[in-house]
Amino acid sequence: MGVETISHGSAPPALPFFLTAGTVGAASLVDLPTEVPCNERDDRETTAMSSSWPDAPSEAGDELRRLARDTSDHVRVTAAVGLARAIERASAPARIDLVCTWALSEDRDERLALARALTWSTPVFVADLVLEQLAADSSTVVRAAALAAVAKHFHEDSSTYVRIVSKCLEDSDRNVQKLARALFKRARG
């Protein structure tokens, strides 16, 4: 099957842009792609897997971890979508456990998948703490993806997210700095 772009039901139109933010060296948020290329078959499989989350979290989690570590960025983005759907379907306590487990992963690709997944609007009690940790990650792509997720959650507690973005203004990576500046500019209006 060919590659086509899709939009995700409950996700805002800008969601795919956020999911890809950790993988591109764009000069500003406006320069980033606005759609995630998804293979229809991969998306159906990920949907089915994340749909089984409440019933079989261990098997689904193992599969999402495998996909998050794939060599293809397309597959890694698909894993992030699956993780976002699993977070969405989990109970509040399970959501916290899931998010914290992935945030503390030693695997960079799992932390990247979580940062991308947190761009969805599903409420997570500890999202601010997790995004603060991910925005200080040793990996540049994780930090950039965390900033994209911060942009999505900025309205929830702007003072917390301003603090996170402020720390990224002096980031060692120029693109992360640019993303942080763009977030401040957008927040000011």
Protein backbone atom coordinates (compact mmCIF):
# COMPACT_ATOMS: atom_id res chain seq x y z
CA MET A 1 0.00 0.00 0.00
CA GLY A 2 1.10 3.54 -0.64
CA VAL A 3 1.84 6.18 1.89
CA GLU A 4 -0.88 8.66 2.57
CA THR A 5 -1.59 11.27 5.17
CA ILE A 6 -4.21 10.74 7.79
CA SER A 7 -5.78 12.79 10.51
CA HIS A 8 -6.61 11.37 13.89
CA GLY A 9 -10.20 11.59 15.16
CA SER A 10 -9.93 13.34 18.51
CA ALA A 11 -6.61 14.98 17.80
CA PRO A 12 -6.42 18.63 16.77
CA PRO A 13 -5.44 19.41 13.17
CA ALA A 14 -1.90 20.35 14.21
CA LEU A 15 -1.24 17.04 15.99
CA PRO A 16 0.85 15.41 13.27
CA PHE A 17 3.05 18.48 13.16
CA PHE A 18 3.80 17.93 16.82
CA LEU A 19 4.46 14.23 16.38
CA THR A 20 7.20 14.95 13.86
CA ALA A 21 8.80 17.90 15.67
CA GLY A 22 11.50 15.78 17.27
CA THR A 23 12.80 14.59 13.92
CA VAL A 24 13.29 17.73 11.88
CA GLY A 25 15.70 20.61 12.16
CA ALA A 26 13.24 23.31 11.23
CA ALA A 27 13.95 26.95 11.93
CA SER A 28 10.56 27.52 13.51
CA LEU A 29 7.35 25.76 14.39
CA VAL A 30 5.82 27.08 11.18
CA ASP A 31 8.46 25.32 9.07
CA LEU A 32 7.55 21.86 10.35
CA PRO A 33 5.39 19.47 8.33
CA THR A 34 1.70 19.58 9.18
CA GLU A 35 0.80 15.98 8.45
CA VAL A 36 2.26 12.64 9.44
CA PRO A 37 2.72 10.20 6.59
CA CYS A 38 1.18 6.91 7.69
CA ASN A 39 0.89 3.63 5.94
CA GLU A 40 -2.78 2.65 6.20
CA ARG A 41 -1.92 -0.93 7.16
CA ASP A 42 0.51 0.15 9.91
CA ASP A 43 -2.08 2.55 11.31
CA ARG A 44 -4.76 -0.16 11.45
CA GLU A 45 -2.36 -2.54 13.21
CA THR A 46 -1.33 0.09 15.74
CA THR A 47 -4.96 1.01 16.34
CA ALA A 48 -5.84 -2.62 16.97
CA MET A 49 -2.87 -3.05 19.28
CA SER A 50 -3.57 0.09 21.31
CA SER A 51 -7.27 -0.80 21.41
CA SER A 52 -6.31 -3.94 23.34
CA TRP A 53 -4.50 -1.83 25.92
CA PRO A 54 -6.85 -2.20 28.86
CA ASP A 55 -7.07 -5.97 28.31
CA ALA A 56 -3.50 -6.83 27.36
CA PRO A 57 -1.18 -4.00 28.40
CA SER A 58 1.95 -6.12 28.63
CA GLU A 59 1.73 -7.53 25.09
CA ALA A 60 0.68 -4.20 23.59
CA GLY A 61 3.43 -2.38 25.51
CA ASP A 62 6.07 -4.83 24.29
CA GLU A 63 4.91 -4.35 20.70
CA LEU A 64 4.86 -0.55 21.04
CA ARG A 65 8.41 -0.65 22.45
CA ARG A 66 9.53 -2.77 19.51
CA LEU A 67 7.95 -0.32 17.04
CA ALA A 68 9.42 2.69 18.89
CA ARG A 69 12.92 1.24 18.29
CA ASP A 70 12.40 0.55 14.59
CA THR A 71 14.91 1.98 12.13
CA SER A 72 12.16 3.72 10.16
CA ASP A 73 11.03 7.08 11.52
CA HIS A 74 7.65 6.40 9.94
CA VAL A 75 7.25 3.30 12.10
CA ARG A 76 8.48 5.19 15.18
CA VAL A 77 5.85 7.87 14.57
CA THR A 78 3.25 5.12 14.23
CA ALA A 79 4.42 3.74 17.60
CA ALA A 80 3.94 7.18 19.13
CA VAL A 81 0.38 7.29 17.76
CA GLY A 82 -0.25 3.84 19.24
CA LEU A 83 1.17 4.96 22.58
CA ALA A 84 -1.03 8.07 22.51
CA ARG A 85 -4.06 5.87 21.90
CA ALA A 86 -3.03 3.52 24.72
CA ILE A 87 -2.67 6.49 27.08
CA GLU A 88 -6.09 7.71 25.96
CA ARG A 89 -7.71 4.31 26.69
CA ALA A 90 -5.98 3.68 30.03
CA SER A 91 -7.57 4.50 33.39
CA ALA A 92 -6.15 7.57 35.16
CA PRO A 93 -3.86 5.56 37.49
CA ALA A 94 -2.72 3.30 34.63
CA ARG A 95 -2.10 6.41 32.51
CA ILE A 96 0.25 7.82 35.15
CA ASP A 97 2.09 4.51 35.44
CA LEU A 98 2.38 4.18 31.67
CA VAL A 99 3.68 7.71 31.17
CA CYS A 100 6.17 7.50 34.04
CA THR A 101 7.47 4.11 32.90
CA TRP A 102 8.14 5.38 29.37
CA ALA A 103 9.62 8.67 30.67
CA LEU A 104 12.13 6.76 32.80
CA SER A 105 13.08 4.35 30.02
CA GLU A 106 16.77 3.98 29.33
CA ASP A 107 15.91 3.76 25.63
CA ARG A 108 15.95 7.11 23.84
CA ASP A 109 13.44 5.95 21.24
CA GLU A 110 10.90 5.08 23.93
CA ARG A 111 11.30 8.53 25.52
CA LEU A 112 10.90 10.07 22.04
CA ALA A 113 7.72 8.05 21.45
CA LEU A 114 6.34 9.31 24.75
CA ALA A 115 7.18 12.95 23.98
CA ARG A 116 5.43 12.58 20.63
CA ALA A 117 2.46 10.81 22.25
CA LEU A 118 2.04 13.62 24.78
CA THR A 119 1.10 15.97 21.94
CA TRP A 120 -2.38 14.46 22.09
CA SER A 121 -4.92 16.24 24.23
CA THR A 122 -5.50 13.32 26.61
CA PRO A 123 -5.19 14.68 30.16
CA VAL A 124 -2.35 13.14 32.13
CA PHE A 125 -1.97 14.17 35.77
CA VAL A 126 1.84 14.25 35.65
CA ALA A 127 2.29 15.59 32.10
CA ASP A 128 4.00 18.78 33.28
CA LEU A 129 6.56 16.88 35.36
CA VAL A 130 7.23 14.37 32.61
CA LEU A 131 7.58 17.07 29.95
CA GLU A 132 9.96 19.00 32.17
CA GLN A 133 12.12 15.88 32.45
CA LEU A 134 11.92 15.15 28.70
CA ALA A 135 12.76 18.78 27.84
CA ALA A 136 16.04 18.27 29.74
CA ASP A 137 16.76 14.87 28.12
CA SER A 138 20.26 14.05 26.91
CA SER A 139 18.86 13.52 23.39
CA THR A 140 18.23 16.56 21.20
CA VAL A 141 15.32 14.93 19.36
CA VAL A 142 13.61 14.07 22.66
CA ARG A 143 14.03 17.66 23.88
CA ALA A 144 12.58 19.03 20.62
CA ALA A 145 9.63 16.62 20.73
CA ALA A 146 9.03 17.55 24.38
CA LEU A 147 8.83 21.22 23.39
CA ALA A 148 6.27 20.34 20.75
CA ALA A 149 4.22 18.58 23.43
CA VAL A 150 4.63 21.59 25.72
CA ALA A 151 3.09 23.71 22.96
CA LYS A 152 0.06 21.44 22.98
CA HIS A 153 -0.37 21.64 26.78
CA PHE A 154 0.64 25.28 27.26
CA HIS A 155 -2.92 26.39 28.04
CA GLU A 156 -3.22 23.94 30.97
CA ASP A 157 -0.72 25.64 33.28
CA SER A 158 1.18 28.26 31.40
CA SER A 159 3.50 29.20 34.29
CA THR A 160 4.84 25.65 34.51
CA TYR A 161 5.27 25.39 30.76
CA VAL A 162 6.88 28.85 30.53
CA ARG A 163 9.46 27.60 33.06
CA ILE A 164 10.13 24.53 30.89
CA VAL A 165 10.49 26.59 27.72
CA SER A 166 12.69 29.14 29.51
CA LYS A 167 15.21 26.45 30.33
CA CYS A 168 15.34 25.46 26.65
CA LEU A 169 16.20 28.98 25.46
CA GLU A 170 19.83 28.27 26.37
CA ASP A 171 19.82 24.69 25.06
CA SER A 172 23.05 23.37 23.56
CA ASP A 173 21.22 22.62 20.30
CA ARG A 174 20.40 25.58 18.06
CA ASN A 175 17.16 24.02 16.75
CA VAL A 176 15.85 23.38 20.26
CA GLN A 177 16.62 27.03 21.06
CA LYS A 178 14.69 28.10 17.96
CA LEU A 179 11.70 25.95 18.95
CA ALA A 180 11.75 27.47 22.44
CA ARG A 181 11.88 31.00 21.03
CA ALA A 182 9.05 30.23 18.64
CA LEU A 183 6.95 28.93 21.55
CA PHE A 184 7.53 32.14 23.49
CA LYS A 185 6.68 34.23 20.46
CA ARG A 186 3.49 32.23 19.90
CA ALA A 187 2.53 32.45 23.58
CA ARG A 188 2.86 36.24 23.52
CA GLY A 189 0.46 36.28 20.68
